[in-house]
Amino acid sequence: MSIMLSGKAMRPAGFPITTIHGRKASTRAIYAQLAATLGLTSTGTDSYSSYAGDKLEYTITNLAVTLSNNGLASGESEGFLADATLVLEVPTGFAGKILPPVQIRLKVQAKYIPKF
């Protein structure tokens, strides 16, 4: 089973929503967890930023998550897999001049592998 949380079935607020094992999940919930963990502030529908005082440190946007379950009940599972992509934007400057921000597209993968 594979579920994509990116641009499909949009909520009115612009956040994708889907069902995973009977529970609703959205990028809003994932952004909320990131905000709580990293101390981020919402700066738009699909944008969260980190500040040091009033100075911007970085912004995270365009979060997309794919969840894959390889049949844990079968006993032949290779685990539960979560792939995420996001854009990290970091403001830059040199010699007192503001330069265009650095934008990096990140791909992150997390995997749960059962021991037994």
C-alpha atoms as a PDB file:
ATOM      1  CA  MET A   1       0.000   0.000   0.000  1.00  0.00           C
ATOM      2  CA  SER A   2       1.374   3.408  -0.926  1.00  0.00           C
ATOM      3  CA  ILE A   3      -0.181   6.781  -0.069  1.00  0.00           C
ATOM      4  CA  MET A   4       0.944  10.133  -1.459  1.00  0.00           C
ATOM      5  CA  LEU A   5       0.379  13.302   0.557  1.00  0.00           C
ATOM      6  CA  SER A   6       1.129  16.131  -1.831  1.00  0.00           C
ATOM      7  CA  GLY A   7      -1.291  17.731  -4.267  1.00  0.00           C
ATOM      8  CA  LYS A   8      -4.206  15.289  -4.344  1.00  0.00           C
ATOM      9  CA  ALA A   9      -7.620  15.737  -2.626  1.00  0.00           C
ATOM     10  CA  MET A  10      -7.080  19.204  -1.212  1.00  0.00           C
ATOM     11  CA  ARG A  11      -8.662  20.619   1.951  1.00  0.00           C
ATOM     12  CA  PRO A  12     -10.148  24.134   1.802  1.00  0.00           C
ATOM     13  CA  ALA A  13      -7.051  25.489   3.597  1.00  0.00           C
ATOM     14  CA  GLY A  14      -4.822  24.012   0.884  1.00  0.00           C
ATOM     15  CA  PHE A  15      -3.457  21.045   2.831  1.00  0.00           C
ATOM     16  CA  PRO A  16      -3.724  17.566   1.274  1.00  0.00           C
ATOM     17  CA  ILE A  17      -5.668  14.976   3.238  1.00  0.00           C
ATOM     18  CA  THR A  18      -5.831  11.207   2.998  1.00  0.00           C
ATOM     19  CA  THR A  19      -6.647   8.173   5.120  1.00  0.00           C
ATOM     20  CA  ILE A  20      -4.016   5.848   6.553  1.00  0.00           C
ATOM     21  CA  HIS A  21      -5.372   2.738   8.268  1.00  0.00           C
ATOM     22  CA  GLY A  22      -8.692   4.477   8.973  1.00  0.00           C
ATOM     23  CA  ARG A  23      -7.104   7.671  10.345  1.00  0.00           C
ATOM     24  CA  LYS A  24      -6.968  11.006   8.553  1.00  0.00           C
ATOM     25  CA  ALA A  25      -3.509  12.389   7.889  1.00  0.00           C
ATOM     26  CA  SER A  26      -2.409  15.591   6.218  1.00  0.00           C
ATOM     27  CA  THR A  27       0.684  17.645   5.661  1.00  0.00           C
ATOM     28  CA  ARG A  28      -0.842  20.065   8.198  1.00  0.00           C
ATOM     29  CA  ALA A  29      -0.335  17.432  10.928  1.00  0.00           C
ATOM     30  CA  ILE A  30       3.224  16.804   9.777  1.00  0.00           C
ATOM     31  CA  TYR A  31       3.976  20.540   9.646  1.00  0.00           C
ATOM     32  CA  ALA A  32       2.490  20.886  13.165  1.00  0.00           C
ATOM     33  CA  GLN A  33       4.876  18.204  14.463  1.00  0.00           C
ATOM     34  CA  LEU A  34       7.831  19.854  12.709  1.00  0.00           C
ATOM     35  CA  ALA A  35       6.807  23.230  14.145  1.00  0.00           C
ATOM     36  CA  ALA A  36       6.617  21.818  17.663  1.00  0.00           C
ATOM     37  CA  THR A  37       9.926  19.944  17.351  1.00  0.00           C
ATOM     38  CA  LEU A  38      11.934  22.671  15.592  1.00  0.00           C
ATOM     39  CA  GLY A  39      10.190  25.774  16.977  1.00  0.00           C
ATOM     40  CA  LEU A  40       8.881  26.908  13.587  1.00  0.00           C
ATOM     41  CA  THR A  41       6.375  29.688  12.878  1.00  0.00           C
ATOM     42  CA  SER A  42       3.716  29.423  10.167  1.00  0.00           C
ATOM     43  CA  THR A  43       4.386  32.020   7.474  1.00  0.00           C
ATOM     44  CA  GLY A  44       1.788  30.901   4.935  1.00  0.00           C
ATOM     45  CA  THR A  45      -0.350  27.976   3.807  1.00  0.00           C
ATOM     46  CA  ASP A  46       2.621  25.775   2.919  1.00  0.00           C
ATOM     47  CA  SER A  47       5.458  27.643   4.619  1.00  0.00           C
ATOM     48  CA  TYR A  48       7.075  27.414   8.056  1.00  0.00           C
ATOM     49  CA  SER A  49      10.059  29.477   9.179  1.00  0.00           C
ATOM     50  CA  SER A  50      12.613  29.519  11.979  1.00  0.00           C
ATOM     51  CA  TYR A  51      13.649  32.828  13.523  1.00  0.00           C
ATOM     52  CA  ALA A  52      16.491  33.837  15.843  1.00  0.00           C
ATOM     53  CA  GLY A  53      14.863  36.837  17.495  1.00  0.00           C
ATOM     54  CA  ASP A  54      13.517  38.811  14.532  1.00  0.00           C
ATOM     55  CA  LYS A  55      16.082  37.425  12.062  1.00  0.00           C
ATOM     56  CA  LEU A  56      15.004  34.681   9.626  1.00  0.00           C
ATOM     57  CA  GLU A  57      17.175  31.537   9.834  1.00  0.00           C
ATOM     58  CA  TYR A  58      15.438  29.266   7.304  1.00  0.00           C
ATOM     59  CA  THR A  59      12.071  28.408   5.712  1.00  0.00           C
ATOM     60  CA  ILE A  60      10.571  24.981   4.927  1.00  0.00           C
ATOM     61  CA  THR A  61       8.018  24.704   2.089  1.00  0.00           C
ATOM     62  CA  ASN A  62       6.508  22.253  -0.434  1.00  0.00           C
ATOM     63  CA  LEU A  63       6.299  19.260   1.893  1.00  0.00           C
ATOM     64  CA  ALA A  64       5.225  16.018   0.199  1.00  0.00           C
ATOM     65  CA  VAL A  65       5.100  12.657   1.980  1.00  0.00           C
ATOM     66  CA  THR A  66       4.664   9.110   0.658  1.00  0.00           C
ATOM     67  CA  LEU A  67       3.899   6.330   3.141  1.00  0.00           C
ATOM     68  CA  SER A  68       4.411   2.679   2.200  1.00  0.00           C
ATOM     69  CA  ASN A  69       3.373  -0.381   4.182  1.00  0.00           C
ATOM     70  CA  ASN A  70       4.854  -3.623   2.865  1.00  0.00           C
ATOM     71  CA  GLY A  71       2.403  -5.975   4.586  1.00  0.00           C
ATOM     72  CA  LEU A  72       3.590  -6.232   8.181  1.00  0.00           C
ATOM     73  CA  ALA A  73       1.074  -8.996   8.892  1.00  0.00           C
ATOM     74  CA  SER A  74       2.498 -11.320   6.233  1.00  0.00           C
ATOM     75  CA  GLY A  75       5.674 -11.966   8.195  1.00  0.00           C
ATOM     76  CA  GLU A  76       7.691 -11.201   5.070  1.00  0.00           C
ATOM     77  CA  SER A  77       7.685  -7.457   5.561  1.00  0.00           C
ATOM     78  CA  GLU A  78      10.639  -5.317   4.736  1.00  0.00           C
ATOM     79  CA  GLY A  79       9.178  -2.657   7.015  1.00  0.00           C
ATOM     80  CA  PHE A  80       7.204   0.546   6.960  1.00  0.00           C
ATOM     81  CA  LEU A  81       8.664   3.298   4.777  1.00  0.00           C
ATOM     82  CA  ALA A  82       8.105   7.071   4.765  1.00  0.00           C
ATOM     83  CA  ASP A  83       9.601   9.220   1.988  1.00  0.00           C
ATOM     84  CA  ALA A  84       9.407  12.999   2.313  1.00  0.00           C
ATOM     85  CA  THR A  85      10.556  15.842   0.112  1.00  0.00           C
ATOM     86  CA  LEU A  86      10.659  19.512   1.046  1.00  0.00           C
ATOM     87  CA  VAL A  87      12.327  22.734   0.023  1.00  0.00           C
ATOM     88  CA  LEU A  88      14.699  24.369   2.509  1.00  0.00           C
ATOM     89  CA  GLU A  89      15.384  28.050   1.852  1.00  0.00           C
ATOM     90  CA  VAL A  90      18.212  29.813   3.697  1.00  0.00           C
ATOM     91  CA  PRO A  91      18.779  33.570   3.387  1.00  0.00           C
ATOM     92  CA  THR A  92      22.331  34.504   2.445  1.00  0.00           C
ATOM     93  CA  GLY A  93      24.473  37.596   2.580  1.00  0.00           C
ATOM     94  CA  PHE A  94      28.066  38.617   2.087  1.00  0.00           C
ATOM     95  CA  ALA A  95      29.953  41.763   3.120  1.00  0.00           C
ATOM     96  CA  GLY A  96      26.762  43.366   4.393  1.00  0.00           C
ATOM     97  CA  LYS A  97      24.880  42.765   1.138  1.00  0.00           C
ATOM     98  CA  ILE A  98      21.796  40.578   0.872  1.00  0.00           C
ATOM     99  CA  LEU A  99      22.129  37.846  -1.756  1.00  0.00           C
ATOM    100  CA  PRO A 100      19.383  35.617  -3.198  1.00  0.00           C
ATOM    101  CA  PRO A 101      18.416  32.845  -0.774  1.00  0.00           C
ATOM    102  CA  VAL A 102      19.839  29.353  -1.202  1.00  0.00           C
ATOM    103  CA  GLN A 103      17.074  26.866  -2.062  1.00  0.00           C
ATOM    104  CA  ILE A 104      17.714  23.168  -1.490  1.00  0.00           C
ATOM    105  CA  ARG A 105      15.280  20.385  -2.326  1.00  0.00           C
ATOM    106  CA  LEU A 106      15.692  17.701   0.344  1.00  0.00           C
ATOM    107  CA  LYS A 107      14.583  14.081   0.189  1.00  0.00           C
ATOM    108  CA  VAL A 108      14.325  12.289   3.512  1.00  0.00           C
ATOM    109  CA  GLN A 109      13.546   8.629   4.071  1.00  0.00           C
ATOM    110  CA  ALA A 110      12.618   6.901   7.327  1.00  0.00           C
ATOM    111  CA  LYS A 111      12.146   3.158   7.690  1.00  0.00           C
ATOM    112  CA  TYR A 112      10.735   0.997  10.448  1.00  0.00           C
ATOM    113  CA  ILE A 113      11.941  -2.601  10.335  1.00  0.00           C
ATOM    114  CA  PRO A 114      10.273  -5.100  12.681  1.00  0.00           C
ATOM    115  CA  LYS A 115      12.681  -7.173  14.792  1.00  0.00           C
ATOM    116  CA  PHE A 116      10.514 -10.264  15.032  1.00  0.00           C
END
